[in-house]
Amino acid sequence: MTSFFGMGRGQVTWEGERSFYNSSPGVTRGFCGKCGSPLFYMSTKWPGEVHLYAANLDDPNVYTPTAHVFWAEKLDWLAVSDDLPKHERSAP
């Protein structure tokens, strides 16, 4: 399970080298060019946005989730006690 948050591509600046992988049609994933850590996800479904991994933030506590997506894919043992919207697939 991971947490992503979206931002405008122009709002993000990068330091260091990145590598890219086109994982499926219209989807690009970005990784640290040195260690291979996943950094972001971009899709033609959301042009102009980049979706960043919250775990990469210096302080992940500044990120507050607003919904769960791909809820249909969660593992049976995952217990979630919040009342955030739960989307069976991607966000609307």
Protein backbone atom coordinates (compact mmCIF):
# COMPACT_ATOMS: atom_id res chain seq x y z
CA MET A 1 0.00 0.00 0.00
CA THR A 2 1.25 3.47 -0.74
CA SER A 3 0.06 7.05 -0.52
CA PHE A 4 0.23 9.41 -3.47
CA PHE A 5 -0.69 13.05 -3.74
CA GLY A 6 -1.09 15.02 -6.94
CA MET A 7 0.45 18.37 -7.85
CA GLY A 8 0.80 20.44 -10.98
CA ARG A 9 3.94 19.44 -12.88
CA GLY A 10 5.12 23.05 -12.80
CA GLN A 11 4.94 23.05 -8.99
CA VAL A 12 7.60 20.36 -8.62
CA THR A 13 11.33 20.86 -8.92
CA TRP A 14 13.83 18.01 -8.99
CA GLU A 15 17.36 17.59 -7.71
CA GLY A 16 19.61 14.86 -9.01
CA GLU A 17 19.06 12.47 -11.87
CA ARG A 18 15.87 10.56 -12.54
CA SER A 19 15.07 7.56 -14.65
CA PHE A 20 11.74 6.85 -16.31
CA TYR A 21 9.76 3.74 -17.14
CA ASN A 22 6.64 3.60 -19.31
CA SER A 23 4.81 0.91 -17.37
CA SER A 24 1.66 0.84 -19.51
CA PRO A 25 0.11 2.93 -22.30
CA GLY A 26 -0.09 6.54 -21.12
CA VAL A 27 1.67 5.88 -17.79
CA THR A 28 5.18 6.98 -16.85
CA ARG A 29 6.82 6.14 -13.55
CA GLY A 30 9.85 8.00 -12.27
CA PHE A 31 12.68 6.71 -10.13
CA CYS A 32 15.82 8.06 -8.49
CA GLY A 33 18.61 7.69 -11.04
CA LYS A 34 21.08 6.64 -8.31
CA CYS A 35 19.25 4.28 -5.95
CA GLY A 36 16.13 3.35 -7.94
CA SER A 37 13.61 4.50 -5.31
CA PRO A 38 10.18 5.18 -6.81
CA LEU A 39 9.46 8.92 -6.93
CA PHE A 40 6.37 9.63 -9.02
CA TYR A 41 3.63 8.52 -11.36
CA MET A 42 2.30 10.45 -14.36
CA SER A 43 -0.65 9.51 -16.57
CA THR A 44 -2.33 10.95 -19.63
CA LYS A 45 -5.53 10.55 -17.60
CA TRP A 46 -4.38 13.55 -15.52
CA PRO A 47 -2.40 15.73 -17.93
CA GLY A 48 -0.37 18.42 -16.24
CA GLU A 49 -0.25 16.53 -12.93
CA VAL A 50 2.45 14.48 -11.25
CA HIS A 51 1.54 12.09 -8.43
CA LEU A 52 4.25 11.86 -5.79
CA TYR A 53 4.84 9.22 -3.13
CA ALA A 54 4.08 10.73 0.28
CA ALA A 55 6.79 8.51 1.81
CA ASN A 56 9.42 10.57 -0.05
CA LEU A 57 8.54 13.76 1.78
CA ASP A 58 10.97 15.02 4.41
CA ASP A 59 7.95 15.12 6.74
CA PRO A 60 5.16 12.79 5.53
CA ASN A 61 2.92 14.15 8.29
CA VAL A 62 2.34 17.30 6.22
CA TYR A 63 0.34 15.12 3.81
CA THR A 64 -3.27 14.44 4.77
CA PRO A 65 -5.13 11.86 2.68
CA THR A 66 -8.51 12.83 1.23
CA ALA A 67 -9.69 9.49 -0.24
CA HIS A 68 -8.79 5.86 -0.90
CA VAL A 69 -8.49 4.74 -4.51
CA PHE A 70 -8.36 1.23 -5.97
CA TRP A 71 -10.25 0.13 -2.85
CA ALA A 72 -11.35 -3.05 -4.67
CA GLU A 73 -7.70 -4.17 -4.74
CA LYS A 74 -7.03 -3.88 -1.00
CA LEU A 75 -5.85 -6.95 0.86
CA ASP A 76 -8.38 -8.66 3.09
CA TRP A 77 -6.30 -8.12 6.22
CA LEU A 78 -6.13 -4.33 5.79
CA ALA A 79 -8.24 -2.65 8.48
CA VAL A 80 -9.03 1.02 7.81
CA SER A 81 -10.96 2.95 10.42
CA ASP A 82 -11.30 6.36 8.75
CA ASP A 83 -14.40 7.64 6.98
CA LEU A 84 -12.66 8.92 3.83
CA PRO A 85 -14.34 8.22 0.47
CA LYS A 86 -13.42 4.84 -0.94
CA HIS A 87 -13.24 4.58 -4.75
CA GLU A 88 -13.33 1.06 -6.17
CA ARG A 89 -10.92 2.07 -8.93
CA SER A 90 -9.17 5.36 -9.64
CA ALA A 91 -10.35 8.72 -8.41
CA PRO A 92 -13.12 10.37 -10.40
